[in-house]
Amino acid sequence: MIASVLILLATVCGPPLHWPASQSPGFTVVQAKGIGLPPPGKSGVQARLMAQRAAEVNAVRNLTRMLGGPATRPSFRYVSRTSRPDGSVEVVVETRVYRKVPVR
């Protein structure tokens, strides 16, 4: 079960993209945010890393949903990663698409 979840997460996330800051004509940049909480009973570095991973998965899932569902697996890049005092982590990812995207 755990191995299949990790394979699924690796498949969904994919490698980050790097593109120039200036947008090409016809492209739209779509951003999504994800927030991850540390699991109860964990502390320190392990809790922070688990919260960060949860935020990354949440952000990519939100981006995928915005672009049309699980059949669409976007390539993305990280925009920001912010740790909060309560232990949660916020991640923002973005992708470029060559069409007008109806954001849900």
C-alpha atoms as a PDB file:
ATOM      1  CA  MET A   1       0.000   0.000   0.000  1.00  0.00           C
ATOM      2  CA  ILE A   2       2.681   2.530   0.999  1.00  0.00           C
ATOM      3  CA  ALA A   3       4.835   1.662  -2.023  1.00  0.00           C
ATOM      4  CA  SER A   4       1.923   2.204  -4.412  1.00  0.00           C
ATOM      5  CA  VAL A   5       1.148   5.584  -2.810  1.00  0.00           C
ATOM      6  CA  LEU A   6       4.782   6.666  -3.163  1.00  0.00           C
ATOM      7  CA  ILE A   7       4.828   5.582  -6.812  1.00  0.00           C
ATOM      8  CA  LEU A   8       1.609   7.519  -7.413  1.00  0.00           C
ATOM      9  CA  LEU A   9       3.061  10.629  -5.745  1.00  0.00           C
ATOM     10  CA  ALA A  10       6.248  10.401  -7.803  1.00  0.00           C
ATOM     11  CA  THR A  11       4.167  10.042 -10.971  1.00  0.00           C
ATOM     12  CA  VAL A  12       1.902  12.999 -10.153  1.00  0.00           C
ATOM     13  CA  CYS A  13       4.651  15.391  -9.126  1.00  0.00           C
ATOM     14  CA  GLY A  14       7.085  14.904 -11.994  1.00  0.00           C
ATOM     15  CA  PRO A  15      10.242  16.964 -12.428  1.00  0.00           C
ATOM     16  CA  PRO A  16      10.132  20.729 -11.923  1.00  0.00           C
ATOM     17  CA  LEU A  17      10.322  22.961 -14.993  1.00  0.00           C
ATOM     18  CA  HIS A  18      12.522  25.990 -15.551  1.00  0.00           C
ATOM     19  CA  TRP A  19      11.460  28.619 -18.051  1.00  0.00           C
ATOM     20  CA  PRO A  20      12.271  32.294 -18.566  1.00  0.00           C
ATOM     21  CA  ALA A  21      10.502  34.809 -16.367  1.00  0.00           C
ATOM     22  CA  SER A  22       9.052  36.586 -19.395  1.00  0.00           C
ATOM     23  CA  GLN A  23       5.992  34.854 -20.771  1.00  0.00           C
ATOM     24  CA  SER A  24       5.707  33.917 -24.405  1.00  0.00           C
ATOM     25  CA  PRO A  25       2.638  35.192 -26.273  1.00  0.00           C
ATOM     26  CA  GLY A  26      -0.263  32.773 -26.057  1.00  0.00           C
ATOM     27  CA  PHE A  27       0.803  31.192 -22.791  1.00  0.00           C
ATOM     28  CA  THR A  28      -1.076  31.517 -19.534  1.00  0.00           C
ATOM     29  CA  VAL A  29       0.572  30.936 -16.157  1.00  0.00           C
ATOM     30  CA  VAL A  30      -1.601  29.111 -13.637  1.00  0.00           C
ATOM     31  CA  GLN A  31      -0.637  28.964  -9.947  1.00  0.00           C
ATOM     32  CA  ALA A  32      -1.931  26.761  -7.149  1.00  0.00           C
ATOM     33  CA  LYS A  33      -1.263  26.740  -3.417  1.00  0.00           C
ATOM     34  CA  GLY A  34      -1.067  23.794  -1.032  1.00  0.00           C
ATOM     35  CA  ILE A  35      -0.828  23.723   2.758  1.00  0.00           C
ATOM     36  CA  GLY A  36       0.541  20.792   4.736  1.00  0.00           C
ATOM     37  CA  LEU A  37       0.309  20.184   8.469  1.00  0.00           C
ATOM     38  CA  PRO A  38       2.771  18.188  10.547  1.00  0.00           C
ATOM     39  CA  PRO A  39       1.332  14.854  11.695  1.00  0.00           C
ATOM     40  CA  PRO A  40       0.485  14.477  15.373  1.00  0.00           C
ATOM     41  CA  GLY A  41       3.164  12.759  17.402  1.00  0.00           C
ATOM     42  CA  LYS A  42       6.049  13.912  15.181  1.00  0.00           C
ATOM     43  CA  SER A  43       8.391  16.755  15.971  1.00  0.00           C
ATOM     44  CA  GLY A  44      11.480  18.492  14.682  1.00  0.00           C
ATOM     45  CA  VAL A  45      12.899  17.928  11.249  1.00  0.00           C
ATOM     46  CA  GLN A  46      10.756  14.874  10.516  1.00  0.00           C
ATOM     47  CA  ALA A  47       7.538  16.807  11.170  1.00  0.00           C
ATOM     48  CA  ARG A  48       8.699  19.726   9.015  1.00  0.00           C
ATOM     49  CA  LEU A  49       9.662  17.467   6.103  1.00  0.00           C
ATOM     50  CA  MET A  50       6.369  15.570   6.294  1.00  0.00           C
ATOM     51  CA  ALA A  51       4.416  18.847   6.351  1.00  0.00           C
ATOM     52  CA  GLN A  52       6.437  20.115   3.381  1.00  0.00           C
ATOM     53  CA  ARG A  53       5.739  16.968   1.370  1.00  0.00           C
ATOM     54  CA  ALA A  54       2.034  17.148   2.209  1.00  0.00           C
ATOM     55  CA  ALA A  55       1.943  20.778   1.023  1.00  0.00           C
ATOM     56  CA  GLU A  56       3.708  19.883  -2.232  1.00  0.00           C
ATOM     57  CA  VAL A  57       1.278  17.051  -2.982  1.00  0.00           C
ATOM     58  CA  ASN A  58      -1.678  19.272  -2.088  1.00  0.00           C
ATOM     59  CA  ALA A  59      -0.455  22.082  -4.381  1.00  0.00           C
ATOM     60  CA  VAL A  60       0.101  19.747  -7.341  1.00  0.00           C
ATOM     61  CA  ARG A  61      -3.284  18.107  -6.779  1.00  0.00           C
ATOM     62  CA  ASN A  62      -4.925  21.558  -6.746  1.00  0.00           C
ATOM     63  CA  LEU A  63      -3.084  22.530  -9.943  1.00  0.00           C
ATOM     64  CA  THR A  64      -4.161  19.298 -11.638  1.00  0.00           C
ATOM     65  CA  ARG A  65      -7.783  19.878 -10.685  1.00  0.00           C
ATOM     66  CA  MET A  66      -7.677  23.445 -11.976  1.00  0.00           C
ATOM     67  CA  LEU A  67      -6.461  22.203 -15.366  1.00  0.00           C
ATOM     68  CA  GLY A  68      -9.125  19.596 -15.874  1.00  0.00           C
ATOM     69  CA  GLY A  69      -8.755  16.622 -13.592  1.00  0.00           C
ATOM     70  CA  PRO A  70      -6.578  13.546 -13.175  1.00  0.00           C
ATOM     71  CA  ALA A  71      -6.173  12.938 -16.923  1.00  0.00           C
ATOM     72  CA  THR A  72      -4.095  16.130 -17.065  1.00  0.00           C
ATOM     73  CA  ARG A  73      -0.708  15.814 -15.377  1.00  0.00           C
ATOM     74  CA  PRO A  74       0.982  19.193 -15.572  1.00  0.00           C
ATOM     75  CA  SER A  75       4.695  19.833 -15.493  1.00  0.00           C
ATOM     76  CA  PHE A  76       5.305  22.489 -12.903  1.00  0.00           C
ATOM     77  CA  ARG A  77       7.841  24.533 -11.009  1.00  0.00           C
ATOM     78  CA  TYR A  78       7.963  25.711  -7.422  1.00  0.00           C
ATOM     79  CA  VAL A  79       7.259  29.399  -6.888  1.00  0.00           C
ATOM     80  CA  SER A  80       7.583  29.557  -3.113  1.00  0.00           C
ATOM     81  CA  ARG A  81       7.861  27.409  -0.014  1.00  0.00           C
ATOM     82  CA  THR A  82       7.008  29.016   3.341  1.00  0.00           C
ATOM     83  CA  SER A  83       7.280  27.480   6.811  1.00  0.00           C
ATOM     84  CA  ARG A  84       4.879  28.896   9.382  1.00  0.00           C
ATOM     85  CA  PRO A  85       5.367  29.188  13.173  1.00  0.00           C
ATOM     86  CA  ASP A  86       2.627  26.604  13.850  1.00  0.00           C
ATOM     87  CA  GLY A  87       4.639  23.965  11.944  1.00  0.00           C
ATOM     88  CA  SER A  88       2.575  24.046   8.759  1.00  0.00           C
ATOM     89  CA  VAL A  89       4.127  24.642   5.345  1.00  0.00           C
ATOM     90  CA  GLU A  90       2.683  26.518   2.360  1.00  0.00           C
ATOM     91  CA  VAL A  91       3.860  25.711  -1.176  1.00  0.00           C
ATOM     92  CA  VAL A  92       2.958  27.551  -4.389  1.00  0.00           C
ATOM     93  CA  VAL A  93       3.510  25.863  -7.768  1.00  0.00           C
ATOM     94  CA  GLU A  94       2.859  27.085 -11.287  1.00  0.00           C
ATOM     95  CA  THR A  95       2.677  25.834 -14.840  1.00  0.00           C
ATOM     96  CA  ARG A  96       2.350  27.393 -18.279  1.00  0.00           C
ATOM     97  CA  VAL A  97      -0.410  26.365 -20.632  1.00  0.00           C
ATOM     98  CA  TYR A  98      -0.932  27.310 -24.243  1.00  0.00           C
ATOM     99  CA  ARG A  99      -4.633  27.974 -24.011  1.00  0.00           C
ATOM    100  CA  LYS A 100      -7.055  29.913 -21.933  1.00  0.00           C
ATOM    101  CA  VAL A 101      -7.666  27.805 -18.862  1.00  0.00           C
ATOM    102  CA  PRO A 102     -11.053  27.949 -17.151  1.00  0.00           C
ATOM    103  CA  VAL A 103      -9.995  28.117 -13.504  1.00  0.00           C
ATOM    104  CA  ARG A 104     -12.427  26.241 -11.297  1.00  0.00           C
END
